[in-house]
Amino acid sequence: MRTVPVCPAPARPSPVVDPQNRYRRRVREFVCGCCGRWRVSVELIRGRYRYRLVRRYRPEFGGGKDVLGEAGSIPELADLLTRRTPLTLADLREAA
C-alpha cells in the first residue's frame, strides 16, 4: 500500500540565474515604503552579497531606472543610502 503525503511541500521556484554569468544569482529586493521609487536589490555574486541601489522612474516620466551605486556590506549600504537618497535602512521593506 502506497501512502500519499497529506500536504505535499509546494515546489520552490528555481533561482534566477543569469545565462551569461552562472556565478550571479538574484536573491531578493527591498523597496522604500513611501513611494516605491528607491529599490535595493541583493544579489549573490561569486559567494558574496552585493547590494545595488536603484532609482526607478514612474511610467508617466518615461519609466526606466538608474543604478546609483553598489555596496558590499550593510554599513556601506547605509552610507550609500544617506549620501544618495533621503532614506535610511529603516525605511526599506521587502518587495512583494
PDB file of N, CA and C in Angstrom:
ATOM      1  N   MET A   1       0.836  -1.179   0.000  1.00  0.00           N
ATOM      2  CA  MET A   1       0.000   0.000   0.000  1.00  0.00           C
ATOM      3  C   MET A   1       0.881   1.242   0.000  1.00  0.00           C
ATOM      4  N   ARG A   2       0.609   2.154  -0.928  1.00  0.00           N
ATOM      5  CA  ARG A   2       1.372   3.395  -1.028  1.00  0.00           C
ATOM      6  C   ARG A   2       0.717   4.485  -0.202  1.00  0.00           C
ATOM      7  N   THR A   3       1.534   5.253   0.497  1.00  0.00           N
ATOM      8  CA  THR A   3       0.982   6.375   1.255  1.00  0.00           C
ATOM      9  C   THR A   3       1.280   7.669   0.521  1.00  0.00           C
ATOM     10  N   VAL A   4       0.323   8.548   0.540  1.00  0.00           N
ATOM     11  CA  VAL A   4       0.461   9.851  -0.107  1.00  0.00           C
ATOM     12  C   VAL A   4       0.530  10.891   0.992  1.00  0.00           C
ATOM     13  N   PRO A   5       1.489  11.814   0.937  1.00  0.00           N
ATOM     14  CA  PRO A   5       1.557  12.832   1.980  1.00  0.00           C
ATOM     15  C   PRO A   5       0.286  13.673   1.996  1.00  0.00           C
ATOM     16  N   VAL A   6      -0.137  14.035   3.204  1.00  0.00           N
ATOM     17  CA  VAL A   6      -1.358  14.820   3.357  1.00  0.00           C
ATOM     18  C   VAL A   6      -1.201  16.192   2.729  1.00  0.00           C
ATOM     19  N   CYS A   7      -0.115  16.841   3.015  1.00  0.00           N
ATOM     20  CA  CYS A   7       0.117  18.188   2.488  1.00  0.00           C
ATOM     21  C   CYS A   7       1.506  18.214   1.856  1.00  0.00           C
ATOM     22  N   PRO A   8       1.597  17.940   0.564  1.00  0.00           N
ATOM     23  CA  PRO A   8       2.929  17.951  -0.051  1.00  0.00           C
ATOM     24  C   PRO A   8       3.530  19.350  -0.026  1.00  0.00           C
ATOM     25  N   ALA A   9       4.808  19.389   0.119  1.00  0.00           N
ATOM     26  CA  ALA A   9       5.503  20.685   0.143  1.00  0.00           C
ATOM     27  C   ALA A   9       5.370  21.356  -1.220  1.00  0.00           C
ATOM     28  N   PRO A  10       5.102  22.670  -1.229  1.00  0.00           N
ATOM     29  CA  PRO A  10       4.997  23.359  -2.519  1.00  0.00           C
ATOM     30  C   PRO A  10       6.344  23.374  -3.230  1.00  0.00           C
ATOM     31  N   ALA A  11       6.277  23.319  -4.533  1.00  0.00           N
ATOM     32  CA  ALA A  11       7.510  23.344  -5.323  1.00  0.00           C
ATOM     33  C   ALA A  11       8.150  24.712  -5.217  1.00  0.00           C
ATOM     34  N   ARG A  12       9.424  24.747  -4.952  1.00  0.00           N
ATOM     35  CA  ARG A  12      10.137  26.021  -4.865  1.00  0.00           C
ATOM     36  C   ARG A  12      10.532  26.473  -6.255  1.00  0.00           C
ATOM     37  N   PRO A  13      10.368  27.760  -6.525  1.00  0.00           N
ATOM     38  CA  PRO A  13      10.814  28.235  -7.838  1.00  0.00           C
ATOM     39  C   PRO A  13      12.331  28.172  -7.932  1.00  0.00           C
ATOM     40  N   SER A  14      12.813  27.850  -9.090  1.00  0.00           N
ATOM     41  CA  SER A  14      14.259  27.783  -9.271  1.00  0.00           C
ATOM     42  C   SER A  14      14.845  29.190  -9.240  1.00  0.00           C
ATOM     43  N   PRO A  15      16.054  29.364  -8.711  1.00  0.00           N
ATOM     44  CA  PRO A  15      16.650  30.695  -8.657  1.00  0.00           C
ATOM     45  C   PRO A  15      16.903  31.235 -10.057  1.00  0.00           C
ATOM     46  N   VAL A  16      16.789  32.547 -10.163  1.00  0.00           N
ATOM     47  CA  VAL A  16      17.041  33.196 -11.445  1.00  0.00           C
ATOM     48  C   VAL A  16      18.549  33.282 -11.630  1.00  0.00           C
ATOM     49  N   VAL A  17      19.050  32.607 -12.627  1.00  0.00           N
ATOM     50  CA  VAL A  17      20.482  32.591 -12.892  1.00  0.00           C
ATOM     51  C   VAL A  17      20.722  33.260 -14.233  1.00  0.00           C
ATOM     52  N   ASP A  18      21.627  34.187 -14.256  1.00  0.00           N
ATOM     53  CA  ASP A  18      21.978  34.885 -15.487  1.00  0.00           C
ATOM     54  C   ASP A  18      22.671  33.894 -16.419  1.00  0.00           C
ATOM     55  N   PRO A  19      22.152  33.693 -17.654  1.00  0.00           N
ATOM     56  CA  PRO A  19      22.778  32.710 -18.539  1.00  0.00           C
ATOM     57  C   PRO A  19      24.203  33.076 -18.948  1.00  0.00           C
ATOM     58  N   GLN A  20      24.563  34.351 -18.923  1.00  0.00           N
ATOM     59  CA  GLN A  20      25.907  34.773 -19.300  1.00  0.00           C
ATOM     60  C   GLN A  20      26.906  34.536 -18.166  1.00  0.00           C
ATOM     61  N   ASN A  21      26.440  34.642 -16.935  1.00  0.00           N
ATOM     62  CA  ASN A  21      27.341  34.538 -15.791  1.00  0.00           C
ATOM     63  C   ASN A  21      26.685  33.650 -14.739  1.00  0.00           C
ATOM     64  N   ARG A  22      27.081  32.410 -14.639  1.00  0.00           N
ATOM     65  CA  ARG A  22      26.417  31.490 -13.732  1.00  0.00           C
ATOM     66  C   ARG A  22      26.787  31.725 -12.271  1.00  0.00           C
ATOM     67  N   TYR A  23      27.698  32.629 -11.998  1.00  0.00           N
ATOM     68  CA  TYR A  23      28.091  32.912 -10.621  1.00  0.00           C
ATOM     69  C   TYR A  23      27.249  34.013 -10.004  1.00  0.00           C
ATOM     70  N   ARG A  24      26.231  34.466 -10.713  1.00  0.00           N
ATOM     71  CA  ARG A  24      25.437  35.590 -10.252  1.00  0.00           C
ATOM     72  C   ARG A  24      23.995  35.127 -10.067  1.00  0.00           C
ATOM     73  N   ARG A  25      23.426  35.379  -8.903  1.00  0.00           N
ATOM     74  CA  ARG A  25      22.066  34.947  -8.636  1.00  0.00           C
ATOM     75  C   ARG A  25      21.342  36.022  -7.836  1.00  0.00           C
ATOM     76  N   ARG A  26      20.148  36.391  -8.274  1.00  0.00           N
ATOM     77  CA  ARG A  26      19.348  37.383  -7.563  1.00  0.00           C
ATOM     78  C   ARG A  26      18.710  36.728  -6.354  1.00  0.00           C
ATOM     79  N   VAL A  27      18.789  37.408  -5.225  1.00  0.00           N
ATOM     80  CA  VAL A  27      18.267  36.834  -4.002  1.00  0.00           C
ATOM     81  C   VAL A  27      16.946  37.492  -3.627  1.00  0.00           C
ATOM     82  N   ARG A  28      16.937  38.769  -3.381  1.00  0.00           N
ATOM     83  CA  ARG A  28      15.709  39.457  -3.011  1.00  0.00           C
ATOM     84  C   ARG A  28      15.837  40.936  -3.296  1.00  0.00           C
ATOM     85  N   GLU A  29      14.740  41.659  -3.065  1.00  0.00           N
ATOM     86  CA  GLU A  29      14.723  43.084  -3.354  1.00  0.00           C
ATOM     87  C   GLU A  29      13.967  43.803  -2.247  1.00  0.00           C
ATOM     88  N   PHE A  30      14.450  44.980  -1.889  1.00  0.00           N
ATOM     89  CA  PHE A  30      13.798  45.822  -0.901  1.00  0.00           C
ATOM     90  C   PHE A  30      13.401  47.120  -1.576  1.00  0.00           C
ATOM     91  N   VAL A  31      12.284  47.705  -1.132  1.00  0.00           N
ATOM     92  CA  VAL A  31      11.758  48.914  -1.749  1.00  0.00           C
ATOM     93  C   VAL A  31      11.368  49.879  -0.634  1.00  0.00           C
ATOM     94  N   CYS A  32      11.392  51.183  -0.922  1.00  0.00           N
ATOM     95  CA  CYS A  32      11.022  52.155   0.107  1.00  0.00           C
ATOM     96  C   CYS A  32       9.521  52.065   0.361  1.00  0.00           C
ATOM     97  N   GLY A  33       9.124  52.292   1.593  1.00  0.00           N
ATOM     98  CA  GLY A  33       7.724  52.165   1.966  1.00  0.00           C
ATOM     99  C   GLY A  33       6.866  53.340   1.569  1.00  0.00           C
ATOM    100  N   CYS A  34       7.470  54.461   1.220  1.00  0.00           N
ATOM    101  CA  CYS A  34       6.679  55.661   0.938  1.00  0.00           C
ATOM    102  C   CYS A  34       6.172  55.705  -0.498  1.00  0.00           C
ATOM    103  N   CYS A  35       7.042  55.545  -1.479  1.00  0.00           N
ATOM    104  CA  CYS A  35       6.630  55.733  -2.875  1.00  0.00           C
ATOM    105  C   CYS A  35       7.071  54.611  -3.798  1.00  0.00           C
ATOM    106  N   GLY A  36       7.955  53.752  -3.376  1.00  0.00           N
ATOM    107  CA  GLY A  36       8.414  52.666  -4.231  1.00  0.00           C
ATOM    108  C   GLY A  36       9.435  53.089  -5.270  1.00  0.00           C
ATOM    109  N   ARG A  37       9.902  54.320  -5.193  1.00  0.00           N
ATOM    110  CA  ARG A  37      10.855  54.831  -6.185  1.00  0.00           C
ATOM    111  C   ARG A  37      12.254  54.268  -5.982  1.00  0.00           C
ATOM    112  N   TRP A  38      12.655  54.070  -4.737  1.00  0.00           N
ATOM    113  CA  TRP A  38      14.006  53.597  -4.425  1.00  0.00           C
ATOM    114  C   TRP A  38      13.969  52.106  -4.164  1.00  0.00           C
ATOM    115  N   ARG A  39      14.889  51.357  -4.767  1.00  0.00           N
ATOM    116  CA  ARG A  39      14.957  49.907  -4.582  1.00  0.00           C
ATOM    117  C   ARG A  39      16.388  49.490  -4.288  1.00  0.00           C
ATOM    118  N   VAL A  40      16.514  48.473  -3.455  1.00  0.00           N
ATOM    119  CA  VAL A  40      17.808  47.867  -3.164  1.00  0.00           C
ATOM    120  C   VAL A  40      17.681  46.392  -3.499  1.00  0.00           C
ATOM    121  N   SER A  41      18.449  45.940  -4.482  1.00  0.00           N
ATOM    122  CA  SER A  41      18.440  44.520  -4.818  1.00  0.00           C
ATOM    123  C   SER A  41      19.654  43.867  -4.173  1.00  0.00           C
ATOM    124  N   VAL A  42      19.449  42.657  -3.699  1.00  0.00           N
ATOM    125  CA  VAL A  42      20.508  41.897  -3.046  1.00  0.00           C
ATOM    126  C   VAL A  42      20.829  40.724  -3.958  1.00  0.00           C
ATOM    127  N   GLU A  43      22.080  40.628  -4.394  1.00  0.00           N
ATOM    128  CA  GLU A  43      22.490  39.561  -5.297  1.00  0.00           C
ATOM    129  C   GLU A  43      23.675  38.813  -4.708  1.00  0.00           C
ATOM    130  N   LEU A  44      23.698  37.531  -4.968  1.00  0.00           N
ATOM    131  CA  LEU A  44      24.816  36.695  -4.555  1.00  0.00           C
ATOM    132  C   LEU A  44      25.718  36.522  -5.768  1.00  0.00           C
ATOM    133  N   ILE A  45      26.902  37.141  -5.723  1.00  0.00           N
ATOM    134  CA  ILE A  45      27.832  37.102  -6.844  1.00  0.00           C
ATOM    135  C   ILE A  45      29.135  36.490  -6.351  1.00  0.00           C
ATOM    136  N   ARG A  46      29.465  35.341  -6.913  1.00  0.00           N
ATOM    137  CA  ARG A  46      30.691  34.612  -6.553  1.00  0.00           C
ATOM    138  C   ARG A  46      30.854  34.426  -5.045  1.00  0.00           C
ATOM    139  N   GLY A  47      29.765  34.071  -4.391  1.00  0.00           N
ATOM    140  CA  GLY A  47      29.806  33.777  -2.965  1.00  0.00           C
ATOM    141  C   GLY A  47      29.714  34.979  -2.053  1.00  0.00           C
ATOM    142  N   ARG A  48      29.568  36.173  -2.592  1.00  0.00           N
ATOM    143  CA  ARG A  48      29.458  37.387  -1.775  1.00  0.00           C
ATOM    144  C   ARG A  48      28.183  38.121  -2.124  1.00  0.00           C
ATOM    145  N   TYR A  49      27.580  38.746  -1.126  1.00  0.00           N
ATOM    146  CA  TYR A  49      26.366  39.518  -1.363  1.00  0.00           C
ATOM    147  C   TYR A  49      26.724  40.921  -1.825  1.00  0.00           C
ATOM    148  N   ARG A  50      25.997  41.416  -2.824  1.00  0.00           N
ATOM    149  CA  ARG A  50      26.152  42.780  -3.326  1.00  0.00           C
ATOM    150  C   ARG A  50      24.803  43.465  -3.212  1.00  0.00           C
ATOM    151  N   TYR A  51      24.803  44.676  -2.688  1.00  0.00           N
ATOM    152  CA  TYR A  51      23.590  45.467  -2.520  1.00  0.00           C
ATOM    153  C   TYR A  51      23.622  46.580  -3.559  1.00  0.00           C
ATOM    154  N   ARG A  52      22.642  46.587  -4.464  1.00  0.00           N
ATOM    155  CA  ARG A  52      22.606  47.564  -5.556  1.00  0.00           C
ATOM    156  C   ARG A  52      21.440  48.520  -5.329  1.00  0.00           C
ATOM    157  N   LEU A  53      21.751  49.817  -5.248  1.00  0.00           N
ATOM    158  CA  LEU A  53      20.744  50.858  -5.047  1.00  0.00           C
ATOM    159  C   LEU A  53      20.296  51.393  -6.399  1.00  0.00           C
ATOM    160  N   VAL A  54      18.974  51.379  -6.639  1.00  0.00           N
ATOM    161  CA  VAL A  54      18.411  51.774  -7.927  1.00  0.00           C
ATOM    162  C   VAL A  54      17.294  52.778  -7.693  1.00  0.00           C
ATOM    163  N   ARG A  55      17.228  53.805  -8.547  1.00  0.00           N
ATOM    164  CA  ARG A  55      16.111  54.744  -8.544  1.00  0.00           C
ATOM    165  C   ARG A  55      15.263  54.447  -9.769  1.00  0.00           C
ATOM    166  N   ARG A  56      13.975  54.184  -9.547  1.00  0.00           N
ATOM    167  CA  ARG A  56      13.059  53.871 -10.644  1.00  0.00           C
ATOM    168  C   ARG A  56      12.208  55.095 -10.949  1.00  0.00           C
ATOM    169  N   TYR A  57      11.963  55.326 -12.234  1.00  0.00           N
ATOM    170  CA  TYR A  57      11.137  56.447 -12.668  1.00  0.00           C
ATOM    171  C   TYR A  57       9.736  55.969 -12.997  1.00  0.00           C
ATOM    172  N   ARG A  58       8.745  56.795 -12.712  1.00  0.00           N
ATOM    173  CA  ARG A  58       7.352  56.442 -12.989  1.00  0.00           C
ATOM    174  C   ARG A  58       7.100  56.383 -14.486  1.00  0.00           C
ATOM    175  N   PRO A  59       6.121  55.565 -14.916  1.00  0.00           N
ATOM    176  CA  PRO A  59       5.836  55.425 -16.354  1.00  0.00           C
ATOM    177  C   PRO A  59       5.459  56.741 -17.029  1.00  0.00           C
ATOM    178  N   GLU A  60       4.800  57.640 -16.306  1.00  0.00           N
ATOM    179  CA  GLU A  60       4.426  58.919 -16.931  1.00  0.00           C
ATOM    180  C   GLU A  60       5.637  59.801 -17.224  1.00  0.00           C
ATOM    181  N   PHE A  61       6.770  59.471 -16.634  1.00  0.00           N
ATOM    182  CA  PHE A  61       8.008  60.200 -16.916  1.00  0.00           C
ATOM    183  C   PHE A  61       8.954  59.376 -17.790  1.00  0.00           C
ATOM    184  N   GLY A  62       8.419  58.384 -18.457  1.00  0.00           N
ATOM    185  CA  GLY A  62       9.227  57.583 -19.369  1.00  0.00           C
ATOM    186  C   GLY A  62       9.717  56.272 -18.801  1.00  0.00           C
ATOM    187  N   GLY A  63       9.459  56.013 -17.527  1.00  0.00           N
ATOM    188  CA  GLY A  63       9.909  54.760 -16.914  1.00  0.00           C
ATOM    189  C   GLY A  63      11.424  54.688 -16.833  1.00  0.00           C
ATOM    190  N   GLY A  64      11.941  53.507 -16.644  1.00  0.00           N
ATOM    191  CA  GLY A  64      13.385  53.310 -16.592  1.00  0.00           C
ATOM    192  C   GLY A  64      13.924  53.332 -15.183  1.00  0.00           C
ATOM    193  N   LYS A  65      15.234  53.184 -15.081  1.00  0.00           N
ATOM    194  CA  LYS A  65      15.885  53.166 -13.773  1.00  0.00           C
ATOM    195  C   LYS A  65      17.329  53.602 -13.903  1.00  0.00           C
ATOM    196  N   ASP A  66      17.874  54.109 -12.804  1.00  0.00           N
ATOM    197  CA  ASP A  66      19.275  54.499 -12.702  1.00  0.00           C
ATOM    198  C   ASP A  66      19.906  53.740 -11.544  1.00  0.00           C
ATOM    199  N   VAL A  67      21.043  53.126 -11.785  1.00  0.00           N
ATOM    200  CA  VAL A  67      21.788  52.483 -10.709  1.00  0.00           C
ATOM    201  C   VAL A  67      22.635  53.560 -10.047  1.00  0.00           C
ATOM    202  N   LEU A  68      22.388  53.793  -8.760  1.00  0.00           N
ATOM    203  CA  LEU A  68      23.087  54.852  -8.036  1.00  0.00           C
ATOM    204  C   LEU A  68      24.364  54.369  -7.373  1.00  0.00           C
ATOM    205  N   GLY A  69      24.471  53.068  -7.145  1.00  0.00           N
ATOM    206  CA  GLY A  69      25.694  52.556  -6.535  1.00  0.00           C
ATOM    207  C   GLY A  69      25.522  51.141  -6.032  1.00  0.00           C
ATOM    208  N   GLU A  70      26.635  50.534  -5.665  1.00  0.00           N
ATOM    209  CA  GLU A  70      26.660  49.187  -5.105  1.00  0.00           C
ATOM    210  C   GLU A  70      27.446  49.202  -3.807  1.00  0.00           C
ATOM    211  N   ALA A  71      27.083  48.283  -2.919  1.00  0.00           N
ATOM    212  CA  ALA A  71      27.777  48.169  -1.643  1.00  0.00           C
ATOM    213  C   ALA A  71      28.020  46.695  -1.359  1.00  0.00           C
ATOM    214  N   GLY A  72      29.056  46.422  -0.584  1.00  0.00           N
ATOM    215  CA  GLY A  72      29.403  45.052  -0.252  1.00  0.00           C
ATOM    216  C   GLY A  72      29.013  44.645   1.152  1.00  0.00           C
ATOM    217  N   SER A  73      28.529  45.596   1.962  1.00  0.00           N
ATOM    218  CA  SER A  73      28.129  45.276   3.324  1.00  0.00           C
ATOM    219  C   SER A  73      26.988  46.205   3.735  1.00  0.00           C
ATOM    220  N   ILE A  74      26.344  45.877   4.847  1.00  0.00           N
ATOM    221  CA  ILE A  74      25.220  46.679   5.325  1.00  0.00           C
ATOM    222  C   ILE A  74      25.670  48.081   5.751  1.00  0.00           C
ATOM    223  N   PRO A  75      26.793  48.247   6.470  1.00  0.00           N
ATOM    224  CA  PRO A  75      27.228  49.617   6.788  1.00  0.00           C
ATOM    225  C   PRO A  75      27.530  50.450   5.539  1.00  0.00           C
ATOM    226  N   GLU A  76      28.113  49.828   4.513  1.00  0.00           N
ATOM    227  CA  GLU A  76      28.347  50.553   3.259  1.00  0.00           C
ATOM    228  C   GLU A  76      27.027  50.938   2.602  1.00  0.00           C
ATOM    229  N   LEU A  77      26.027  50.040   2.671  1.00  0.00           N
ATOM    230  CA  LEU A  77      24.711  50.343   2.106  1.00  0.00           C
ATOM    231  C   LEU A  77      24.056  51.491   2.859  1.00  0.00           C
ATOM    232  N   ALA A  78      24.158  51.497   4.182  1.00  0.00           N
ATOM    233  CA  ALA A  78      23.589  52.590   4.969  1.00  0.00           C
ATOM    234  C   ALA A  78      24.248  53.913   4.599  1.00  0.00           C
ATOM    235  N   ASP A  79      25.555  53.908   4.406  1.00  0.00           N
ATOM    236  CA  ASP A  79      26.273  55.115   3.995  1.00  0.00           C
ATOM    237  C   ASP A  79      25.838  55.562   2.602  1.00  0.00           C
ATOM    238  N   LEU A  80      25.691  54.613   1.688  1.00  0.00           N
ATOM    239  CA  LEU A  80      25.247  54.925   0.326  1.00  0.00           C
ATOM    240  C   LEU A  80      23.836  55.513   0.332  1.00  0.00           C
ATOM    241  N   LEU A  81      22.955  54.957   1.155  1.00  0.00           N
ATOM    242  CA  LEU A  81      21.590  55.480   1.244  1.00  0.00           C
ATOM    243  C   LEU A  81      21.569  56.913   1.756  1.00  0.00           C
ATOM    244  N   THR A  82      22.360  57.205   2.781  1.00  0.00           N
ATOM    245  CA  THR A  82      22.351  58.565   3.326  1.00  0.00           C
ATOM    246  C   THR A  82      22.993  59.566   2.377  1.00  0.00           C
ATOM    247  N   ARG A  83      23.962  59.117   1.583  1.00  0.00           N
ATOM    248  CA  ARG A  83      24.603  60.032   0.631  1.00  0.00           C
ATOM    249  C   ARG A  83      23.749  60.310  -0.593  1.00  0.00           C
ATOM    250  N   ARG A  84      23.033  59.297  -1.111  1.00  0.00           N
ATOM    251  CA  ARG A  84      22.355  59.423  -2.403  1.00  0.00           C
ATOM    252  C   ARG A  84      20.837  59.561  -2.337  1.00  0.00           C
ATOM    253  N   THR A  85      20.212  59.265  -1.182  1.00  0.00           N
ATOM    254  CA  THR A  85      18.752  59.292  -1.080  1.00  0.00           C
ATOM    255  C   THR A  85      18.327  59.963   0.218  1.00  0.00           C
ATOM    256  N   PRO A  86      17.044  60.282   0.337  1.00  0.00           N
ATOM    257  CA  PRO A  86      16.539  60.801   1.617  1.00  0.00           C
ATOM    258  C   PRO A  86      16.110  59.679   2.565  1.00  0.00           C
ATOM    259  N   LEU A  87      16.559  58.448   2.345  1.00  0.00           N
ATOM    260  CA  LEU A  87      16.117  57.276   3.105  1.00  0.00           C
ATOM    261  C   LEU A  87      17.177  56.780   4.076  1.00  0.00           C
ATOM    262  N   THR A  88      16.717  55.924   4.993  1.00  0.00           N
ATOM    263  CA  THR A  88      17.610  55.154   5.855  1.00  0.00           C
ATOM    264  C   THR A  88      17.246  53.678   5.690  1.00  0.00           C
ATOM    265  N   LEU A  89      17.982  52.801   6.326  1.00  0.00           N
ATOM    266  CA  LEU A  89      17.679  51.372   6.244  1.00  0.00           C
ATOM    267  C   LEU A  89      16.302  51.047   6.816  1.00  0.00           C
ATOM    268  N   ALA A  90      15.858  51.827   7.809  1.00  0.00           N
ATOM    269  CA  ALA A  90      14.559  51.574   8.434  1.00  0.00           C
ATOM    270  C   ALA A  90      13.394  51.861   7.489  1.00  0.00           C
ATOM    271  N   ASP A  91      13.615  52.652   6.447  1.00  0.00           N
ATOM    272  CA  ASP A  91      12.546  52.997   5.509  1.00  0.00           C
ATOM    273  C   ASP A  91      12.297  51.915   4.466  1.00  0.00           C
ATOM    274  N   LEU A  92      13.174  50.929   4.367  1.00  0.00           N
ATOM    275  CA  LEU A  92      13.041  49.893   3.338  1.00  0.00           C
ATOM    276  C   LEU A  92      12.205  48.728   3.851  1.00  0.00           C
ATOM    277  N   ARG A  93      11.416  48.131   2.937  1.00  0.00           N
ATOM    278  CA  ARG A  93      10.649  46.927   3.252  1.00  0.00           C
ATOM    279  C   ARG A  93      10.855  45.930   2.124  1.00  0.00           C
ATOM    280  N   GLU A  94      10.634  44.658   2.409  1.00  0.00           N
ATOM    281  CA  GLU A  94      10.845  43.633   1.390  1.00  0.00           C
ATOM    282  C   GLU A  94       9.768  43.740   0.324  1.00  0.00           C
ATOM    283  N   ALA A  95      10.187  43.708  -0.939  1.00  0.00           N
ATOM    284  CA  ALA A  95       9.239  43.805  -2.054  1.00  0.00           C
ATOM    285  C   ALA A  95       8.429  42.522  -2.152  1.00  0.00           C
ATOM    286  N   ALA A  96       7.200  42.670  -2.619  1.00  0.00           N
ATOM    287  CA  ALA A  96       6.297  41.508  -2.733  1.00  0.00           C
ATOM    288  C   ALA A  96       6.704  40.575  -3.829  1.00  0.00           C
TER     289      ALA A  96
END
